Amino acid sequence: MAATDVRQRPDTPPLTPGDLDGTDAVVTGCALAVTETGTIVLDASEGQGRCVLTLVPDLHICVVRAPVQVVASVPQAMPRLDPTRPLTWISGPSATSDIELDRDEGVHGPRALHVVLVD
């Protein structure tokens, strides 16, 4: 894909489910990243968008500002999060298995998650 093929799709007004389904990737920020578990935490604050933005497109790219947004463990993350905000904890791409243990990715979220650390 050439750079000219990339276009930004602002979520104002909110994109419809059909628009989101036709979106290849979404780029967001995060509230925190936990190194011990490989988890990113979203709280719907500025730069993260609505929860649905990170669930429908097949690729979620999350930008983490290091070291400001990085903590070592979940206990260290808890006091830095606002419990009144909608928190989404993501520890990898969405996946599930059927009764025969066949793994299927992307059922309840993106098929791929890429985390980009910036200093």
C-alpha atoms as a PDB file:
ATOM      1  CA  MET A   1       0.000   0.000   0.000  1.00  0.00           C
ATOM      2  CA  ALA A   2       1.411   3.365  -0.981  1.00  0.00           C
ATOM      3  CA  ALA A   3       1.413   6.215   1.520  1.00  0.00           C
ATOM      4  CA  THR A   4      -1.119   8.000  -0.668  1.00  0.00           C
ATOM      5  CA  ASP A   5      -3.548   5.128  -0.073  1.00  0.00           C
ATOM      6  CA  VAL A   6      -3.705   5.915   3.652  1.00  0.00           C
ATOM      7  CA  ARG A   7      -6.418   8.257   4.809  1.00  0.00           C
ATOM      8  CA  GLN A   8      -7.523   9.417   8.197  1.00  0.00           C
ATOM      9  CA  ARG A   9     -11.119   8.789   9.243  1.00  0.00           C
ATOM     10  CA  PRO A  10     -12.000  11.065  12.176  1.00  0.00           C
ATOM     11  CA  ASP A  11     -14.705   9.786  14.505  1.00  0.00           C
ATOM     12  CA  THR A  12     -16.593  13.115  14.383  1.00  0.00           C
ATOM     13  CA  PRO A  13     -19.445  12.590  13.815  1.00  0.00           C
ATOM     14  CA  PRO A  14     -19.216   9.031  15.177  1.00  0.00           C
ATOM     15  CA  LEU A  15     -18.441   6.454  12.493  1.00  0.00           C
ATOM     16  CA  THR A  16     -21.202   3.944  11.853  1.00  0.00           C
ATOM     17  CA  PRO A  17     -20.658   0.208  12.440  1.00  0.00           C
ATOM     18  CA  GLY A  18     -20.438  -0.192   8.650  1.00  0.00           C
ATOM     19  CA  ASP A  19     -17.794   2.538   8.415  1.00  0.00           C
ATOM     20  CA  LEU A  20     -15.777   0.887  11.184  1.00  0.00           C
ATOM     21  CA  ASP A  21     -16.087  -2.516   9.543  1.00  0.00           C
ATOM     22  CA  GLY A  22     -14.584  -0.999   6.400  1.00  0.00           C
ATOM     23  CA  THR A  23     -11.679   0.510   8.360  1.00  0.00           C
ATOM     24  CA  ASP A  24      -8.449  -1.493   8.111  1.00  0.00           C
ATOM     25  CA  ALA A  25      -6.754  -0.176  11.252  1.00  0.00           C
ATOM     26  CA  VAL A  26      -7.161   2.201  14.150  1.00  0.00           C
ATOM     27  CA  VAL A  27      -4.409   4.094  15.997  1.00  0.00           C
ATOM     28  CA  THR A  28      -5.017   5.095  19.600  1.00  0.00           C
ATOM     29  CA  GLY A  29      -3.186   6.131  22.701  1.00  0.00           C
ATOM     30  CA  CYS A  30      -3.697   4.480  26.077  1.00  0.00           C
ATOM     31  CA  ALA A  31      -3.986   5.335  29.757  1.00  0.00           C
ATOM     32  CA  LEU A  32      -1.275   2.889  30.876  1.00  0.00           C
ATOM     33  CA  ALA A  33       0.769  -0.121  29.825  1.00  0.00           C
ATOM     34  CA  VAL A  34       1.694  -2.937  32.231  1.00  0.00           C
ATOM     35  CA  THR A  35       4.988  -4.665  31.424  1.00  0.00           C
ATOM     36  CA  GLU A  36       4.492  -7.748  33.631  1.00  0.00           C
ATOM     37  CA  THR A  37       1.347  -8.859  31.781  1.00  0.00           C
ATOM     38  CA  GLY A  38       1.825  -7.095  28.436  1.00  0.00           C
ATOM     39  CA  THR A  39      -1.457  -5.280  29.042  1.00  0.00           C
ATOM     40  CA  ILE A  40      -2.565  -1.903  27.746  1.00  0.00           C
ATOM     41  CA  VAL A  41      -5.333  -0.066  29.565  1.00  0.00           C
ATOM     42  CA  LEU A  42      -7.730   2.253  27.767  1.00  0.00           C
ATOM     43  CA  ASP A  43     -10.013   4.657  29.647  1.00  0.00           C
ATOM     44  CA  ALA A  44     -11.733   6.488  26.753  1.00  0.00           C
ATOM     45  CA  SER A  45      -9.894   9.732  27.463  1.00  0.00           C
ATOM     46  CA  GLU A  46      -8.608  12.013  24.698  1.00  0.00           C
ATOM     47  CA  GLY A  47      -6.542  10.223  22.092  1.00  0.00           C
ATOM     48  CA  GLN A  48      -8.204   6.870  22.763  1.00  0.00           C
ATOM     49  CA  GLY A  49     -11.649   7.382  21.309  1.00  0.00           C
ATOM     50  CA  ARG A  50     -14.736   5.293  21.880  1.00  0.00           C
ATOM     51  CA  CYS A  51     -14.356   1.667  22.928  1.00  0.00           C
ATOM     52  CA  VAL A  52     -15.925   0.441  19.665  1.00  0.00           C
ATOM     53  CA  LEU A  53     -13.049   1.999  17.699  1.00  0.00           C
ATOM     54  CA  THR A  54     -10.658  -0.565  19.169  1.00  0.00           C
ATOM     55  CA  LEU A  55     -13.008  -3.526  18.740  1.00  0.00           C
ATOM     56  CA  VAL A  56     -14.228  -3.504  15.141  1.00  0.00           C
ATOM     57  CA  PRO A  57     -11.231  -2.848  12.826  1.00  0.00           C
ATOM     58  CA  ASP A  58      -8.941  -5.864  12.298  1.00  0.00           C
ATOM     59  CA  LEU A  59      -5.800  -4.015  13.441  1.00  0.00           C
ATOM     60  CA  HIS A  60      -5.356  -1.909  16.578  1.00  0.00           C
ATOM     61  CA  ILE A  61      -2.130   0.078  16.874  1.00  0.00           C
ATOM     62  CA  CYS A  62      -1.648   1.508  20.350  1.00  0.00           C
ATOM     63  CA  VAL A  63       0.924   4.236  20.990  1.00  0.00           C
ATOM     64  CA  VAL A  64       2.410   4.207  24.506  1.00  0.00           C
ATOM     65  CA  ARG A  65       4.461   7.117  25.804  1.00  0.00           C
ATOM     66  CA  ALA A  66       7.388   5.594  27.685  1.00  0.00           C
ATOM     67  CA  PRO A  67       8.237   5.845  30.499  1.00  0.00           C
ATOM     68  CA  VAL A  68       5.299   8.088  31.545  1.00  0.00           C
ATOM     69  CA  GLN A  69       2.581   5.542  30.752  1.00  0.00           C
ATOM     70  CA  VAL A  70       4.485   2.370  31.628  1.00  0.00           C
ATOM     71  CA  VAL A  71       4.238   0.559  34.977  1.00  0.00           C
ATOM     72  CA  ALA A  72       5.729  -2.757  36.023  1.00  0.00           C
ATOM     73  CA  SER A  73       2.680  -4.483  37.517  1.00  0.00           C
ATOM     74  CA  VAL A  74      -1.094  -4.401  37.866  1.00  0.00           C
ATOM     75  CA  PRO A  75      -0.876  -3.290  41.533  1.00  0.00           C
ATOM     76  CA  GLN A  76       1.186  -0.290  40.370  1.00  0.00           C
ATOM     77  CA  ALA A  77      -1.404   0.510  37.690  1.00  0.00           C
ATOM     78  CA  MET A  78      -4.455   0.535  39.950  1.00  0.00           C
ATOM     79  CA  PRO A  79      -3.813   3.811  41.852  1.00  0.00           C
ATOM     80  CA  ARG A  80      -3.035   5.606  38.576  1.00  0.00           C
ATOM     81  CA  LEU A  81      -6.417   4.755  37.010  1.00  0.00           C
ATOM     82  CA  ASP A  82      -9.714   6.555  37.559  1.00  0.00           C
ATOM     83  CA  PRO A  83     -12.306   3.935  38.614  1.00  0.00           C
ATOM     84  CA  THR A  84     -15.144   6.177  37.382  1.00  0.00           C
ATOM     85  CA  ARG A  85     -13.893   5.947  33.773  1.00  0.00           C
ATOM     86  CA  PRO A  86     -14.752   3.009  31.464  1.00  0.00           C
ATOM     87  CA  LEU A  87     -11.620   0.849  31.646  1.00  0.00           C
ATOM     88  CA  THR A  88     -10.710  -1.639  28.933  1.00  0.00           C
ATOM     89  CA  TRP A  89      -7.796  -3.988  29.659  1.00  0.00           C
ATOM     90  CA  ILE A  90      -6.194  -5.559  26.576  1.00  0.00           C
ATOM     91  CA  SER A  91      -3.535  -8.247  26.813  1.00  0.00           C
ATOM     92  CA  GLY A  92      -3.271  -9.210  23.152  1.00  0.00           C
ATOM     93  CA  PRO A  93      -5.504  -9.747  20.148  1.00  0.00           C
ATOM     94  CA  SER A  94      -8.989 -11.119  20.649  1.00  0.00           C
ATOM     95  CA  ALA A  95      -9.111 -14.911  20.494  1.00  0.00           C
ATOM     96  CA  THR A  96     -11.382 -17.799  21.358  1.00  0.00           C
ATOM     97  CA  SER A  97     -11.459 -21.563  20.842  1.00  0.00           C
ATOM     98  CA  ASP A  98     -14.341 -23.822  19.930  1.00  0.00           C
ATOM     99  CA  ILE A  99     -15.121 -27.193  21.529  1.00  0.00           C
ATOM    100  CA  GLU A 100     -12.468 -28.851  19.330  1.00  0.00           C
ATOM    101  CA  LEU A 101      -9.921 -26.249  20.551  1.00  0.00           C
ATOM    102  CA  ASP A 102      -9.559 -24.629  17.130  1.00  0.00           C
ATOM    103  CA  ARG A 103      -8.303 -21.111  17.817  1.00  0.00           C
ATOM    104  CA  ASP A 104     -10.077 -18.225  16.087  1.00  0.00           C
ATOM    105  CA  GLU A 105      -8.779 -14.668  16.358  1.00  0.00           C
ATOM    106  CA  GLY A 106     -10.707 -11.444  15.975  1.00  0.00           C
ATOM    107  CA  VAL A 107     -14.084 -12.663  17.218  1.00  0.00           C
ATOM    108  CA  HIS A 108     -14.486 -10.087  20.013  1.00  0.00           C
ATOM    109  CA  GLY A 109     -12.002  -7.476  18.872  1.00  0.00           C
ATOM    110  CA  PRO A 110      -9.107  -6.917  16.492  1.00  0.00           C
ATOM    111  CA  ARG A 111      -7.206  -9.843  14.989  1.00  0.00           C
ATOM    112  CA  ALA A 112      -3.905  -8.046  15.603  1.00  0.00           C
ATOM    113  CA  LEU A 113      -2.623  -5.652  18.252  1.00  0.00           C
ATOM    114  CA  HIS A 114       0.604  -3.713  17.785  1.00  0.00           C
ATOM    115  CA  VAL A 115       2.031  -1.610  20.615  1.00  0.00           C
ATOM    116  CA  VAL A 116       4.424   1.192  19.705  1.00  0.00           C
ATOM    117  CA  LEU A 117       6.574   2.649  22.488  1.00  0.00           C
ATOM    118  CA  VAL A 118       7.664   6.256  21.968  1.00  0.00           C
ATOM    119  CA  ASP A 119      10.024   8.227  24.145  1.00  0.00           C
END
